[in-house]
PDB file of N, CA and C in Angstrom:
ATOM      1  N   MET A   1      15.872  -8.361  -1.461  1.00  0.00           N
ATOM      2  CA  MET A   1      15.352  -9.705  -1.385  1.00  0.00           C
ATOM      3  C   MET A   1      15.339 -10.150   0.074  1.00  0.00           C
ATOM      4  N   PRO A   2      14.826 -11.292   0.315  1.00  0.00           N
ATOM      5  CA  PRO A   2      14.494 -11.712   1.673  1.00  0.00           C
ATOM      6  C   PRO A   2      15.590 -12.466   2.414  1.00  0.00           C
ATOM      7  N   ALA A   3      15.347 -12.589   3.715  1.00  0.00           N
ATOM      8  CA  ALA A   3      16.038 -13.588   4.521  1.00  0.00           C
ATOM      9  C   ALA A   3      15.159 -14.828   4.425  1.00  0.00           C
ATOM     10  N   VAL A   4      15.751 -15.964   4.107  1.00  0.00           N
ATOM     11  CA  VAL A   4      14.981 -17.170   3.807  1.00  0.00           C
ATOM     12  C   VAL A   4      15.380 -18.303   4.757  1.00  0.00           C
ATOM     13  N   ARG A   5      14.358 -19.007   5.278  1.00  0.00           N
ATOM     14  CA  ARG A   5      14.606 -20.180   6.111  1.00  0.00           C
ATOM     15  C   ARG A   5      13.452 -21.156   5.935  1.00  0.00           C
ATOM     16  N   ASP A   6      13.693 -22.413   6.245  1.00  0.00           N
ATOM     17  CA  ASP A   6      12.639 -23.417   6.123  1.00  0.00           C
ATOM     18  C   ASP A   6      11.535 -23.142   7.138  1.00  0.00           C
ATOM     19  N   ALA A   7      10.299 -23.400   6.735  1.00  0.00           N
ATOM     20  CA  ALA A   7       9.146 -23.306   7.634  1.00  0.00           C
ATOM     21  C   ALA A   7       8.941 -24.667   8.278  1.00  0.00           C
ATOM     22  N   PRO A   8       8.184 -24.716   9.372  1.00  0.00           N
ATOM     23  CA  PRO A   8       7.926 -26.015  10.013  1.00  0.00           C
ATOM     24  C   PRO A   8       7.213 -27.003   9.088  1.00  0.00           C
ATOM     25  N   GLU A   9       6.350 -26.523   8.216  1.00  0.00           N
ATOM     26  CA  GLU A   9       5.602 -27.395   7.307  1.00  0.00           C
ATOM     27  C   GLU A   9       6.434 -27.682   6.060  1.00  0.00           C
ATOM     28  N   PRO A  10       6.579 -28.946   5.674  1.00  0.00           N
ATOM     29  CA  PRO A  10       7.338 -29.270   4.466  1.00  0.00           C
ATOM     30  C   PRO A  10       6.764 -28.553   3.237  1.00  0.00           C
ATOM     31  N   GLY A  11       7.651 -28.126   2.349  1.00  0.00           N
ATOM     32  CA  GLY A  11       7.225 -27.463   1.126  1.00  0.00           C
ATOM     33  C   GLY A  11       6.929 -25.979   1.294  1.00  0.00           C
ATOM     34  N   ARG A  12       7.297 -25.421   2.459  1.00  0.00           N
ATOM     35  CA  ARG A  12       7.034 -24.011   2.730  1.00  0.00           C
ATOM     36  C   ARG A  12       8.306 -23.345   3.245  1.00  0.00           C
ATOM     37  N   LEU A  13       8.365 -22.035   3.107  1.00  0.00           N
ATOM     38  CA  LEU A  13       9.486 -21.245   3.586  1.00  0.00           C
ATOM     39  C   LEU A  13       8.986 -20.106   4.458  1.00  0.00           C
ATOM     40  N   ARG A  14       9.806 -19.684   5.406  1.00  0.00           N
ATOM     41  CA  ARG A  14       9.570 -18.444   6.156  1.00  0.00           C
ATOM     42  C   ARG A  14      10.486 -17.423   5.505  1.00  0.00           C
ATOM     43  N   VAL A  15       9.920 -16.316   5.074  1.00  0.00           N
ATOM     44  CA  VAL A  15      10.666 -15.309   4.343  1.00  0.00           C
ATOM     45  C   VAL A  15      10.445 -13.953   5.013  1.00  0.00           C
ATOM     46  N   THR A  16      11.532 -13.260   5.311  1.00  0.00           N
ATOM     47  CA  THR A  16      11.445 -11.928   5.897  1.00  0.00           C
ATOM     48  C   THR A  16      11.927 -10.924   4.865  1.00  0.00           C
ATOM     49  N   PHE A  17      11.058  -9.966   4.553  1.00  0.00           N
ATOM     50  CA  PHE A  17      11.367  -8.929   3.578  1.00  0.00           C
ATOM     51  C   PHE A  17      11.554  -7.592   4.273  1.00  0.00           C
ATOM     52  N   ALA A  18      12.521  -6.822   3.829  1.00  0.00           N
ATOM     53  CA  ALA A  18      12.609  -5.413   4.189  1.00  0.00           C
ATOM     54  C   ALA A  18      11.800  -4.684   3.117  1.00  0.00           C
ATOM     55  N   VAL A  19      10.812  -3.911   3.520  1.00  0.00           N
ATOM     56  CA  VAL A  19       9.891  -3.284   2.566  1.00  0.00           C
ATOM     57  C   VAL A  19      10.223  -1.811   2.393  1.00  0.00           C
ATOM     58  N   ASP A  20      10.471  -1.407   1.147  1.00  0.00           N
ATOM     59  CA  ASP A  20      10.723   0.002   0.821  1.00  0.00           C
ATOM     60  C   ASP A  20       9.436   0.723   0.483  1.00  0.00           C
ATOM     61  N   ASP A  21       8.529  -0.001  -0.187  1.00  0.00           N
ATOM     62  CA  ASP A  21       7.329   0.638  -0.708  1.00  0.00           C
ATOM     63  C   ASP A  21       6.224  -0.404  -0.808  1.00  0.00           C
ATOM     64  N   TRP A  22       5.012   0.002  -0.481  1.00  0.00           N
ATOM     65  CA  TRP A  22       3.853  -0.884  -0.545  1.00  0.00           C
ATOM     66  C   TRP A  22       2.981  -0.484  -1.735  1.00  0.00           C
ATOM     67  N   ILE A  23       2.347  -1.466  -2.356  1.00  0.00           N
ATOM     68  CA  ILE A  23       1.367  -1.191  -3.415  1.00  0.00           C
ATOM     69  C   ILE A  23      -0.019  -1.495  -2.881  1.00  0.00           C
ATOM     70  N   ARG A  24      -0.215  -2.741  -2.448  1.00  0.00           N
ATOM     71  CA  ARG A  24      -1.489  -3.124  -1.849  1.00  0.00           C
ATOM     72  C   ARG A  24      -1.237  -4.140  -0.767  1.00  0.00           C
ATOM     73  N   PRO A  25      -1.551  -3.887   0.463  1.00  0.00           N
ATOM     74  CA  PRO A  25      -2.146  -2.645   0.930  1.00  0.00           C
ATOM     75  C   PRO A  25      -1.203  -1.466   0.676  1.00  0.00           C
ATOM     76  N   ALA A  26      -1.750  -0.271   0.746  1.00  0.00           N
ATOM     77  CA  ALA A  26      -1.002   0.938   0.408  1.00  0.00           C
ATOM     78  C   ALA A  26       0.122   1.235   1.400  1.00  0.00           C
ATOM     79  N   GLU A  27       0.014   0.691   2.594  1.00  0.00           N
ATOM     80  CA  GLU A  27       1.076   0.913   3.572  1.00  0.00           C
ATOM     81  C   GLU A  27       1.158  -0.267   4.527  1.00  0.00           C
ATOM     82  N   GLY A  28       2.282  -0.364   5.173  1.00  0.00           N
ATOM     83  CA  GLY A  28       2.501  -1.439   6.125  1.00  0.00           C
ATOM     84  C   GLY A  28       3.844  -1.264   6.782  1.00  0.00           C
ATOM     85  N   GLY A  29       4.298  -2.287   7.470  1.00  0.00           N
ATOM     86  CA  GLY A  29       5.540  -2.221   8.217  1.00  0.00           C
ATOM     87  C   GLY A  29       6.775  -2.187   7.331  1.00  0.00           C
ATOM     88  N   ALA A  30       7.894  -1.882   7.968  1.00  0.00           N
ATOM     89  CA  ALA A  30       9.176  -1.839   7.264  1.00  0.00           C
ATOM     90  C   ALA A  30       9.732  -3.239   7.024  1.00  0.00           C
ATOM     91  N   ARG A  31       9.190  -4.221   7.749  1.00  0.00           N
ATOM     92  CA  ARG A  31       9.584  -5.620   7.573  1.00  0.00           C
ATOM     93  C   ARG A  31       8.336  -6.485   7.571  1.00  0.00           C
ATOM     94  N   VAL A  32       8.364  -7.519   6.763  1.00  0.00           N
ATOM     95  CA  VAL A  32       7.248  -8.453   6.672  1.00  0.00           C
ATOM     96  C   VAL A  32       7.809  -9.862   6.753  1.00  0.00           C
ATOM     97  N   ASP A  33       7.205 -10.692   7.587  1.00  0.00           N
ATOM     98  CA  ASP A  33       7.600 -12.088   7.726  1.00  0.00           C
ATOM     99  C   ASP A  33       6.430 -12.946   7.249  1.00  0.00           C
ATOM    100  N   LEU A  34       6.653 -13.718   6.189  1.00  0.00           N
ATOM    101  CA  LEU A  34       5.587 -14.520   5.593  1.00  0.00           C
ATOM    102  C   LEU A  34       5.955 -15.991   5.526  1.00  0.00           C
ATOM    103  N   ASP A  35       4.934 -16.822   5.552  1.00  0.00           N
ATOM    104  CA  ASP A  35       5.057 -18.248   5.312  1.00  0.00           C
ATOM    105  C   ASP A  35       4.528 -18.459   3.896  1.00  0.00           C
ATOM    106  N   VAL A  36       5.398 -18.885   2.986  1.00  0.00           N
ATOM    107  CA  VAL A  36       5.016 -19.005   1.575  1.00  0.00           C
ATOM    108  C   VAL A  36       5.386 -20.383   1.031  1.00  0.00           C
ATOM    109  N   ALA A  37       4.764 -20.749  -0.094  1.00  0.00           N
ATOM    110  CA  ALA A  37       5.094 -22.003  -0.774  1.00  0.00           C
ATOM    111  C   ALA A  37       6.538 -21.928  -1.272  1.00  0.00           C
ATOM    112  N   ASP A  38       7.266 -23.014  -1.091  1.00  0.00           N
ATOM    113  CA  ASP A  38       8.664 -23.100  -1.532  1.00  0.00           C
ATOM    114  C   ASP A  38       8.674 -23.306  -3.040  1.00  0.00           C
ATOM    115  N   PRO A  39       9.264 -22.379  -3.802  1.00  0.00           N
ATOM    116  CA  PRO A  39       9.245 -22.514  -5.261  1.00  0.00           C
ATOM    117  C   PRO A  39      10.071 -23.685  -5.783  1.00  0.00           C
ATOM    118  N   ARG A  40      10.919 -24.259  -4.935  1.00  0.00           N
ATOM    119  CA  ARG A  40      11.729 -25.409  -5.368  1.00  0.00           C
ATOM    120  C   ARG A  40      10.916 -26.690  -5.473  1.00  0.00           C
ATOM    121  N   VAL A  41       9.769 -26.727  -4.776  1.00  0.00           N
ATOM    122  CA  VAL A  41       8.930 -27.919  -4.790  1.00  0.00           C
ATOM    123  C   VAL A  41       8.378 -28.096  -6.205  1.00  0.00           C
ATOM    124  N   ASP A  42       8.515 -29.254  -6.723  1.00  0.00           N
ATOM    125  CA  ASP A  42       8.042 -29.582  -8.077  1.00  0.00           C
ATOM    126  C   ASP A  42       8.686 -28.730  -9.154  1.00  0.00           C
ATOM    127  N   GLY A  43       9.796 -28.070  -8.855  1.00  0.00           N
ATOM    128  CA  GLY A  43      10.506 -27.280  -9.862  1.00  0.00           C
ATOM    129  C   GLY A  43       9.710 -26.096 -10.382  1.00  0.00           C
ATOM    130  N   LEU A  44       8.837 -25.525  -9.565  1.00  0.00           N
ATOM    131  CA  LEU A  44       7.975 -24.422 -10.014  1.00  0.00           C
ATOM    132  C   LEU A  44       8.686 -23.086 -10.092  1.00  0.00           C
ATOM    133  N   GLY A  45       9.830 -22.969  -9.477  1.00  0.00           N
ATOM    134  CA  GLY A  45      10.545 -21.701  -9.509  1.00  0.00           C
ATOM    135  C   GLY A  45      11.957 -21.854  -9.002  1.00  0.00           C
ATOM    136  N   ALA A  46      12.689 -20.755  -9.086  1.00  0.00           N
ATOM    137  CA  ALA A  46      14.072 -20.750  -8.624  1.00  0.00           C
ATOM    138  C   ALA A  46      14.116 -20.689  -7.102  1.00  0.00           C
ATOM    139  N   PRO A  47      15.157 -21.238  -6.507  1.00  0.00           N
ATOM    140  CA  PRO A  47      15.273 -21.138  -5.050  1.00  0.00           C
ATOM    141  C   PRO A  47      15.411 -19.690  -4.623  1.00  0.00           C
ATOM    142  N   TRP A  48      14.919 -19.395  -3.422  1.00  0.00           N
ATOM    143  CA  TRP A  48      15.019 -18.037  -2.881  1.00  0.00           C
ATOM    144  C   TRP A  48      16.356 -17.874  -2.198  1.00  0.00           C
ATOM    145  N   ASP A  49      16.857 -16.666  -2.256  1.00  0.00           N
ATOM    146  CA  ASP A  49      18.090 -16.340  -1.583  1.00  0.00           C
ATOM    147  C   ASP A  49      18.101 -14.840  -1.358  1.00  0.00           C
ATOM    148  N   GLU A  50      18.973 -14.380  -0.475  1.00  0.00           N
ATOM    149  CA  GLU A  50      19.100 -12.948  -0.296  1.00  0.00           C
ATOM    150  C   GLU A  50      19.671 -12.371  -1.574  1.00  0.00           C
ATOM    151  N   GLY A  51      19.246 -11.167  -1.915  1.00  0.00           N
ATOM    152  CA  GLY A  51      19.728 -10.613  -3.159  1.00  0.00           C
ATOM    153  C   GLY A  51      19.253  -9.197  -3.396  1.00  0.00           C
ATOM    154  N   PRO A  52      19.073  -8.844  -4.661  1.00  0.00           N
ATOM    155  CA  PRO A  52      18.794  -7.462  -5.047  1.00  0.00           C
ATOM    156  C   PRO A  52      17.364  -7.029  -4.745  1.00  0.00           C
ATOM    157  N   HIS A  53      17.138  -5.753  -4.935  1.00  0.00           N
ATOM    158  CA  HIS A  53      15.816  -5.137  -4.799  1.00  0.00           C
ATOM    159  C   HIS A  53      14.856  -5.834  -5.765  1.00  0.00           C
ATOM    160  N   ALA A  54      13.630  -6.110  -5.316  1.00  0.00           N
ATOM    161  CA  ALA A  54      12.677  -6.830  -6.152  1.00  0.00           C
ATOM    162  C   ALA A  54      11.250  -6.426  -5.814  1.00  0.00           C
ATOM    163  N   LEU A  55      10.348  -6.662  -6.756  1.00  0.00           N
ATOM    164  CA  LEU A  55       8.913  -6.531  -6.548  1.00  0.00           C
ATOM    165  C   LEU A  55       8.414  -7.930  -6.221  1.00  0.00           C
ATOM    166  N   ILE A  56       7.738  -8.067  -5.076  1.00  0.00           N
ATOM    167  CA  ILE A  56       7.253  -9.357  -4.621  1.00  0.00           C
ATOM    168  C   ILE A  56       5.732  -9.360  -4.712  1.00  0.00           C
ATOM    169  N   VAL A  57       5.169 -10.326  -5.422  1.00  0.00           N
ATOM    170  CA  VAL A  57       3.719 -10.453  -5.559  1.00  0.00           C
ATOM    171  C   VAL A  57       3.316 -11.764  -4.895  1.00  0.00           C
ATOM    172  N   VAL A  58       2.592 -11.632  -3.787  1.00  0.00           N
ATOM    173  CA  VAL A  58       2.193 -12.800  -3.005  1.00  0.00           C
ATOM    174  C   VAL A  58       0.739 -13.130  -3.327  1.00  0.00           C
ATOM    175  N   PRO A  59       0.469 -14.330  -3.855  1.00  0.00           N
ATOM    176  CA  PRO A  59      -0.907 -14.697  -4.187  1.00  0.00           C
ATOM    177  C   PRO A  59      -1.756 -14.930  -2.943  1.00  0.00           C
ATOM    178  N   ALA A  60      -3.053 -14.763  -3.088  1.00  0.00           N
ATOM    179  CA  ALA A  60      -3.983 -14.997  -1.976  1.00  0.00           C
ATOM    180  C   ALA A  60      -4.032 -16.477  -1.610  1.00  0.00           C
ATOM    181  N   ARG A  61      -3.887 -17.355  -2.601  1.00  0.00           N
ATOM    182  CA  ARG A  61      -3.895 -18.795  -2.324  1.00  0.00           C
ATOM    183  C   ARG A  61      -2.541 -19.228  -1.806  1.00  0.00           C
ATOM    184  N   GLU A  62      -2.524 -19.865  -0.661  1.00  0.00           N
ATOM    185  CA  GLU A  62      -1.276 -20.265  -0.012  1.00  0.00           C
ATOM    186  C   GLU A  62      -0.502 -21.340  -0.756  1.00  0.00           C
ATOM    187  N   ASP A  63      -1.157 -22.074  -1.672  1.00  0.00           N
ATOM    188  CA  ASP A  63      -0.467 -23.145  -2.383  1.00  0.00           C
ATOM    189  C   ASP A  63       0.254 -22.658  -3.634  1.00  0.00           C
ATOM    190  N   LEU A  64       0.072 -21.400  -4.002  1.00  0.00           N
ATOM    191  CA  LEU A  64       0.742 -20.847  -5.179  1.00  0.00           C
ATOM    192  C   LEU A  64       2.050 -20.186  -4.773  1.00  0.00           C
ATOM    193  N   ILE A  65       3.034 -20.217  -5.669  1.00  0.00           N
ATOM    194  CA  ILE A  65       4.318 -19.608  -5.345  1.00  0.00           C
ATOM    195  C   ILE A  65       4.257 -18.094  -5.549  1.00  0.00           C
ATOM    196  N   VAL A  66       5.154 -17.412  -4.876  1.00  0.00           N
ATOM    197  CA  VAL A  66       5.274 -15.958  -4.945  1.00  0.00           C
ATOM    198  C   VAL A  66       5.972 -15.595  -6.254  1.00  0.00           C
ATOM    199  N   ASP A  67       5.499 -14.524  -6.901  1.00  0.00           N
ATOM    200  CA  ASP A  67       6.181 -14.013  -8.086  1.00  0.00           C
ATOM    201  C   ASP A  67       7.203 -12.974  -7.646  1.00  0.00           C
ATOM    202  N   VAL A  68       8.398 -13.052  -8.211  1.00  0.00           N
ATOM    203  CA  VAL A  68       9.478 -12.119  -7.883  1.00  0.00           C
ATOM    204  C   VAL A  68       9.943 -11.478  -9.185  1.00  0.00           C
ATOM    205  N   PHE A  69       9.906 -10.143  -9.211  1.00  0.00           N
ATOM    206  CA  PHE A  69      10.338  -9.407 -10.394  1.00  0.00           C
ATOM    207  C   PHE A  69      11.499  -8.496 -10.017  1.00  0.00           C
ATOM    208  N   GLU A  70      12.606  -8.644 -10.721  1.00  0.00           N
ATOM    209  CA  GLU A  70      13.785  -7.807 -10.527  1.00  0.00           C
ATOM    210  C   GLU A  70      13.983  -6.967 -11.780  1.00  0.00           C
ATOM    211  N   ALA A  71      14.881  -5.996 -11.711  1.00  0.00           N
ATOM    212  CA  ALA A  71      15.195  -5.187 -12.885  1.00  0.00           C
ATOM    213  C   ALA A  71      15.670  -6.136 -13.985  1.00  0.00           C
ATOM    214  N   PRO A  72      15.332  -5.917 -15.217  1.00  0.00           N
ATOM    215  CA  PRO A  72      14.705  -4.727 -15.780  1.00  0.00           C
ATOM    216  C   PRO A  72      13.174  -4.773 -15.817  1.00  0.00           C
ATOM    217  N   GLU A  73      12.543  -5.886 -15.464  1.00  0.00           N
ATOM    218  CA  GLU A  73      11.089  -5.977 -15.591  1.00  0.00           C
ATOM    219  C   GLU A  73      10.327  -5.446 -14.380  1.00  0.00           C
ATOM    220  N   LEU A  74      11.014  -5.082 -13.316  1.00  0.00           N
ATOM    221  CA  LEU A  74      10.365  -4.620 -12.096  1.00  0.00           C
ATOM    222  C   LEU A  74       9.444  -3.425 -12.367  1.00  0.00           C
ATOM    223  N   ALA A  75       9.927  -2.395 -13.021  1.00  0.00           N
ATOM    224  CA  ALA A  75       9.126  -1.187 -13.265  1.00  0.00           C
ATOM    225  C   ALA A  75       7.913  -1.493 -14.143  1.00  0.00           C
ATOM    226  N   GLU A  76       8.091  -2.331 -15.143  1.00  0.00           N
ATOM    227  CA  GLU A  76       6.981  -2.688 -16.034  1.00  0.00           C
ATOM    228  C   GLU A  76       5.893  -3.450 -15.276  1.00  0.00           C
ATOM    229  N   ARG A  77       6.278  -4.404 -14.476  1.00  0.00           N
ATOM    230  CA  ARG A  77       5.299  -5.187 -13.698  1.00  0.00           C
ATOM    231  C   ARG A  77       4.582  -4.307 -12.682  1.00  0.00           C
ATOM    232  N   ARG A  78       5.319  -3.409 -12.029  1.00  0.00           N
ATOM    233  CA  ARG A  78       4.693  -2.509 -11.069  1.00  0.00           C
ATOM    234  C   ARG A  78       3.635  -1.648 -11.760  1.00  0.00           C
ATOM    235  N   ALA A  79       3.951  -1.122 -12.934  1.00  0.00           N
ATOM    236  CA  ALA A  79       2.995  -0.304 -13.690  1.00  0.00           C
ATOM    237  C   ALA A  79       1.749  -1.116 -14.044  1.00  0.00           C
ATOM    238  N   GLU A  80       1.926  -2.381 -14.420  1.00  0.00           N
ATOM    239  CA  GLU A  80       0.780  -3.242 -14.736  1.00  0.00           C
ATOM    240  C   GLU A  80      -0.105  -3.444 -13.509  1.00  0.00           C
ATOM    241  N   ILE A  81       0.506  -3.691 -12.370  1.00  0.00           N
ATOM    242  CA  ILE A  81      -0.250  -3.900 -11.134  1.00  0.00           C
ATOM    243  C   ILE A  81      -0.997  -2.632 -10.746  1.00  0.00           C
ATOM    244  N   GLU A  82      -0.314  -1.507 -10.777  1.00  0.00           N
ATOM    245  CA  GLU A  82      -0.952  -0.247 -10.397  1.00  0.00           C
ATOM    246  C   GLU A  82      -2.102   0.104 -11.337  1.00  0.00           C
ATOM    247  N   ALA A  83      -1.987  -0.246 -12.617  1.00  0.00           N
ATOM    248  CA  ALA A  83      -3.066   0.016 -13.571  1.00  0.00           C
ATOM    249  C   ALA A  83      -4.305  -0.809 -13.256  1.00  0.00           C
ATOM    250  N   LEU A  84      -4.118  -1.982 -12.637  1.00  0.00           N
ATOM    251  CA  LEU A  84      -5.247  -2.853 -12.305  1.00  0.00           C
ATOM    252  C   LEU A  84      -5.905  -2.519 -10.968  1.00  0.00           C
ATOM    253  N   LEU A  85      -5.269  -1.725 -10.138  1.00  0.00           N
ATOM    254  CA  LEU A  85      -5.820  -1.425  -8.820  1.00  0.00           C
ATOM    255  C   LEU A  85      -7.230  -0.825  -8.871  1.00  0.00           C
ATOM    256  N   PRO A  86      -7.537   0.110  -9.772  1.00  0.00           N
ATOM    257  CA  PRO A  86      -8.901   0.635  -9.806  1.00  0.00           C
ATOM    258  C   PRO A  86      -9.953  -0.433 -10.114  1.00  0.00           C
ATOM    259  N   VAL A  87      -9.593  -1.456 -10.855  1.00  0.00           N
ATOM    260  CA  VAL A  87     -10.515  -2.534 -11.211  1.00  0.00           C
ATOM    261  C   VAL A  87     -10.868  -3.374  -9.981  1.00  0.00           C
ATOM    262  N   THR A  88      -9.929  -3.486  -9.050  1.00  0.00           N
ATOM    263  CA  THR A  88     -10.161  -4.320  -7.877  1.00  0.00           C
ATOM    264  C   THR A  88     -11.058  -3.644  -6.849  1.00  0.00           C
ATOM    265  N   GLY A  89     -11.263  -2.342  -6.978  1.00  0.00           N
ATOM    266  CA  GLY A  89     -12.178  -1.626  -6.096  1.00  0.00           C
ATOM    267  C   GLY A  89     -11.863  -1.815  -4.629  1.00  0.00           C
ATOM    268  N   ASP A  90     -12.890  -2.163  -3.865  1.00  0.00           N
ATOM    269  CA  ASP A  90     -12.748  -2.297  -2.419  1.00  0.00           C
ATOM    270  C   ASP A  90     -12.525  -3.741  -1.975  1.00  0.00           C
ATOM    271  N   VAL A  91     -12.071  -4.595  -2.878  1.00  0.00           N
ATOM    272  CA  VAL A  91     -11.792  -5.975  -2.492  1.00  0.00           C
ATOM    273  C   VAL A  91     -10.712  -5.942  -1.417  1.00  0.00           C
ATOM    274  N   PRO A  92     -10.972  -6.550  -0.262  1.00  0.00           N
ATOM    275  CA  PRO A  92      -9.973  -6.485   0.816  1.00  0.00           C
ATOM    276  C   PRO A  92      -8.744  -7.335   0.507  1.00  0.00           C
ATOM    277  N   CYS A  93      -7.645  -6.940   1.093  1.00  0.00           N
ATOM    278  CA  CYS A  93      -6.425  -7.726   0.976  1.00  0.00           C
ATOM    279  C   CYS A  93      -6.598  -9.016   1.760  1.00  0.00           C
ATOM    280  N   PRO A  94      -5.906 -10.084   1.376  1.00  0.00           N
ATOM    281  CA  PRO A  94      -5.989 -11.341   2.120  1.00  0.00           C
ATOM    282  C   PRO A  94      -5.520 -11.143   3.566  1.00  0.00           C
ATOM    283  N   PRO A  95      -5.988 -11.993   4.479  1.00  0.00           N
ATOM    284  CA  PRO A  95      -5.661 -11.855   5.897  1.00  0.00           C
ATOM    285  C   PRO A  95      -4.181 -11.671   6.234  1.00  0.00           C
ATOM    286  N   PRO A  96      -3.250 -12.397   5.579  1.00  0.00           N
ATOM    287  CA  PRO A  96      -1.849 -12.186   5.984  1.00  0.00           C
ATOM    288  C   PRO A  96      -1.403 -10.733   5.835  1.00  0.00           C
ATOM    289  N   TRP A  97      -1.960 -10.040   4.854  1.00  0.00           N
ATOM    290  CA  TRP A  97      -1.571  -8.641   4.640  1.00  0.00           C
ATOM    291  C   TRP A  97      -2.296  -7.702   5.582  1.00  0.00           C
ATOM    292  N   ARG A  98      -3.575  -7.998   5.889  1.00  0.00           N
ATOM    293  CA  ARG A  98      -4.309  -7.145   6.824  1.00  0.00           C
ATOM    294  C   ARG A  98      -3.733  -7.260   8.222  1.00  0.00           C
ATOM    295  N   GLU A  99      -3.138  -8.405   8.538  1.00  0.00           N
ATOM    296  CA  GLU A  99      -2.609  -8.644   9.875  1.00  0.00           C
ATOM    297  C   GLU A  99      -1.129  -8.318   9.995  1.00  0.00           C
ATOM    298  N   THR A 100      -0.531  -7.798   8.934  1.00  0.00           N
ATOM    299  CA  THR A 100       0.896  -7.463   8.961  1.00  0.00           C
ATOM    300  C   THR A 100       1.106  -6.197   9.775  1.00  0.00           C
ATOM    301  N   PRO A 101       2.006  -6.220  10.760  1.00  0.00           N
ATOM    302  CA  PRO A 101       2.238  -5.019  11.575  1.00  0.00           C
ATOM    303  C   PRO A 101       2.888  -3.914  10.785  1.00  0.00           C
TER     304      PRO A 101
END
């Protein structure tokens, strides 16, 4: 799970992830720093904290919260995502992912 801190904009967080494996894009850096919607706003999700290994799904729309899947559902969700990849074809990843070092 991530290192979490408040972002300059209210209702957002800066989150740094250590990445073990990429799904889409297929590869990227060992660390990713993102500005994401704070799931605590409007009670849309649980607060973020450092923790266990997880699958992180970041939506293309910046106003939507990130989905976090931990065991036991992590493997099932990953399989669902990978099964949908052929359907997405050559749709490019959103800019934050294309610009990730």
